[in-house]
N, C-alpha and C. Protein backbone atom coordinates (compact mmCIF):
# COMPACT_ATOMS: atom_id res chain seq x y z
N MET A 1 22.43 116.43 -2.17
CA MET A 1 22.22 114.69 -2.26
C MET A 1 21.25 115.12 -3.27
N ASN A 2 21.38 113.81 -4.06
CA ASN A 2 20.00 113.07 -5.36
C ASN A 2 19.59 112.27 -4.65
N GLU A 3 18.70 112.20 -4.11
CA GLU A 3 17.57 111.04 -3.78
C GLU A 3 16.39 110.95 -4.62
N VAL A 4 16.86 109.30 -5.27
CA VAL A 4 15.46 108.66 -6.17
C VAL A 4 14.98 107.91 -5.83
N MET A 5 13.99 107.69 -5.89
CA MET A 5 13.38 106.83 -4.97
C MET A 5 13.62 105.69 -6.12
N THR A 6 13.87 104.24 -5.47
CA THR A 6 13.83 102.89 -6.72
C THR A 6 12.13 102.53 -7.21
N GLU A 7 12.36 101.95 -7.58
CA GLU A 7 11.25 101.43 -8.22
C GLU A 7 10.09 100.91 -7.04
N LYS A 8 11.18 99.67 -6.41
CA LYS A 8 10.10 99.16 -5.28
C LYS A 8 10.09 100.17 -3.97
N GLU A 9 10.77 101.33 -3.90
CA GLU A 9 10.38 102.60 -3.30
C GLU A 9 8.69 103.06 -3.55
N THR A 10 8.90 103.32 -4.79
CA THR A 10 7.46 104.13 -4.94
C THR A 10 6.74 103.08 -5.46
N ALA A 11 6.54 101.61 -5.56
CA ALA A 11 5.78 100.79 -5.33
C ALA A 11 5.12 100.55 -3.92
N THR A 12 5.62 100.27 -3.19
CA THR A 12 5.24 101.00 -1.64
C THR A 12 4.69 102.08 -1.33
N ALA A 13 5.13 103.04 -1.84
CA ALA A 13 4.33 104.44 -1.54
C ALA A 13 3.22 104.75 -2.28
N LEU A 14 3.34 103.96 -3.56
CA LEU A 14 1.46 104.10 -4.06
C LEU A 14 0.66 103.07 -3.19
N ILE A 15 1.43 101.98 -2.86
CA ILE A 15 0.75 100.79 -2.13
C ILE A 15 -0.49 101.33 -0.94
N GLU A 16 0.62 102.37 -0.28
CA GLU A 16 0.30 103.11 0.81
C GLU A 16 -0.80 103.65 0.36
N GLU A 17 -0.40 104.73 -0.38
CA GLU A 17 -1.30 105.78 -0.85
C GLU A 17 -2.94 105.25 -1.14
N TYR A 18 -3.17 104.04 -1.99
CA TYR A 18 -4.03 103.42 -2.45
C TYR A 18 -5.18 102.86 -1.14
N THR A 19 -4.27 102.28 0.15
CA THR A 19 -4.45 102.00 1.16
C THR A 19 -5.17 102.45 1.81
N LYS A 20 -4.81 104.15 1.55
CA LYS A 20 -5.24 105.16 2.32
C LYS A 20 -6.48 105.65 2.05
N LEU A 21 -6.30 105.73 1.00
CA LEU A 21 -8.02 105.80 0.26
C LEU A 21 -9.09 104.82 0.22
N GLN A 22 -8.97 103.72 -0.15
CA GLN A 22 -9.74 102.49 0.60
C GLN A 22 -10.33 102.77 1.78
N ARG A 23 -9.67 103.03 2.83
CA ARG A 23 -9.85 103.03 4.07
C ARG A 23 -10.86 104.55 4.28
N ILE A 24 -10.44 105.57 3.91
CA ILE A 24 -11.38 106.67 3.82
C ILE A 24 -12.90 106.05 2.82
N LYS A 25 -12.32 105.43 1.76
CA LYS A 25 -13.81 105.04 1.08
C LYS A 25 -15.06 104.50 2.07
N ALA A 26 -14.22 103.28 2.47
CA ALA A 26 -15.17 102.41 3.49
C ALA A 26 -15.37 102.81 4.65
N THR A 27 -14.72 103.67 5.43
CA THR A 27 -15.31 104.28 6.77
C THR A 27 -16.70 104.90 6.56
N PRO A 28 -17.70 104.66 7.82
CA PRO A 28 -18.62 105.20 7.94
C PRO A 28 -18.27 106.56 8.36
N ASN A 29 -17.21 107.26 8.98
CA ASN A 29 -17.12 108.53 9.26
C ASN A 29 -16.10 108.81 8.74
N ARG A 30 -16.40 109.52 7.07
CA ARG A 30 -14.94 109.84 6.45
C ARG A 30 -14.24 110.99 6.91
N ASP A 31 -15.03 111.93 7.84
CA ASP A 31 -14.16 113.35 8.51
C ASP A 31 -13.18 112.68 9.36
N GLU A 32 -13.60 111.71 10.37
CA GLU A 32 -12.85 111.39 11.49
C GLU A 32 -11.45 110.50 10.45
N GLU A 33 -11.99 109.81 9.88
CA GLU A 33 -10.63 108.88 8.12
C GLU A 33 -10.25 109.69 7.94
N ILE A 34 -10.68 110.96 7.58
CA ILE A 34 -9.53 111.81 6.85
C ILE A 34 -8.54 112.72 8.01
N ASP A 35 -9.20 113.09 8.92
CA ASP A 35 -8.19 114.11 10.15
C ASP A 35 -7.71 113.18 10.50
N TYR A 36 -7.77 112.10 10.67
CA TYR A 36 -6.59 110.88 11.22
C TYR A 36 -5.28 110.51 9.54
N GLN A 37 -5.69 110.68 8.52
CA GLN A 37 -4.70 110.66 7.40
C GLN A 37 -3.79 112.16 7.53
N ILE A 38 -4.63 113.25 7.64
CA ILE A 38 -4.23 114.42 7.56
C ILE A 38 -3.24 114.17 8.75
N LYS A 39 -3.17 113.71 10.19
CA LYS A 39 -2.07 113.51 11.38
C LYS A 39 -0.74 112.44 11.14
N THR A 40 -1.23 111.88 10.22
CA THR A 40 -0.22 110.88 9.96
C THR A 40 1.03 111.50 9.03
N ALA A 41 0.10 112.31 7.87
CA ALA A 41 0.92 112.49 7.01
C ALA A 41 1.50 114.12 7.88
N LYS A 42 1.09 114.28 8.82
CA LYS A 42 1.72 115.68 9.22
C LYS A 42 2.66 115.05 9.99
N ALA A 43 3.14 114.29 10.66
CA ALA A 43 3.50 113.75 11.98
C ALA A 43 5.04 113.16 10.94
N LYS A 44 4.71 112.46 9.60
CA LYS A 44 5.62 112.01 8.54
C LYS A 44 6.53 113.10 8.18
N LEU A 45 6.14 114.31 7.47
CA LEU A 45 6.44 115.85 6.75
C LEU A 45 7.56 116.06 8.03
N GLU A 46 6.40 115.77 9.44
CA GLU A 46 7.75 116.98 10.77
C GLU A 46 9.02 116.40 10.86
N ALA A 47 8.87 114.51 10.95
CA ALA A 47 9.89 113.73 10.88
C ALA A 47 10.92 114.20 10.07
N LEU A 48 11.17 114.51 8.71
CA LEU A 48 11.87 115.09 7.90
C LEU A 48 11.86 115.89 7.54
N GLY A 49 11.45 116.75 8.35
CA GLY A 49 11.90 118.31 9.16
C GLY A 49 11.12 119.46 7.84
N ILE A 50 10.03 119.05 7.74
CA ILE A 50 9.18 119.79 6.83
C ILE A 50 8.07 120.18 7.48
N VAL A 51 7.59 122.17 7.78
CA VAL A 51 6.96 122.13 8.14
C VAL A 51 5.80 122.55 7.76
N THR A 52 4.77 122.26 7.76
CA THR A 52 3.34 121.97 7.35
C THR A 52 2.52 123.53 7.67
N GLU A 53 2.46 123.94 8.85
CA GLU A 53 2.22 125.31 9.03
C GLU A 53 1.42 126.26 7.98
N ASN A 54 2.08 126.35 6.84
CA ASN A 54 1.61 127.36 5.71
C ASN A 54 0.76 126.16 4.63
N LEU A 55 0.67 124.97 4.88
CA LEU A 55 0.17 124.04 4.46
C LEU A 55 -1.22 124.14 5.04
N ASP A 56 -1.70 124.19 6.05
CA ASP A 56 -2.80 124.01 6.71
C ASP A 56 -3.82 125.20 6.52
N LYS A 57 -5.11 124.47 6.11
CA LYS A 57 -6.48 125.71 5.88
C LYS A 57 -6.75 126.20 7.23
């Protein structure tokens, strides 16, 4: 299956990434925010069937 992101999907993904980075920058507890961002990214990957164990440090 050849799935290509549309321009709108790409824009949405980039806005989401930008927002995440702004949250990390603005938070008083960066480690806590980074942990939260990792958890949500991991959940999204696992929902797509992507194993994340080998990516963890």
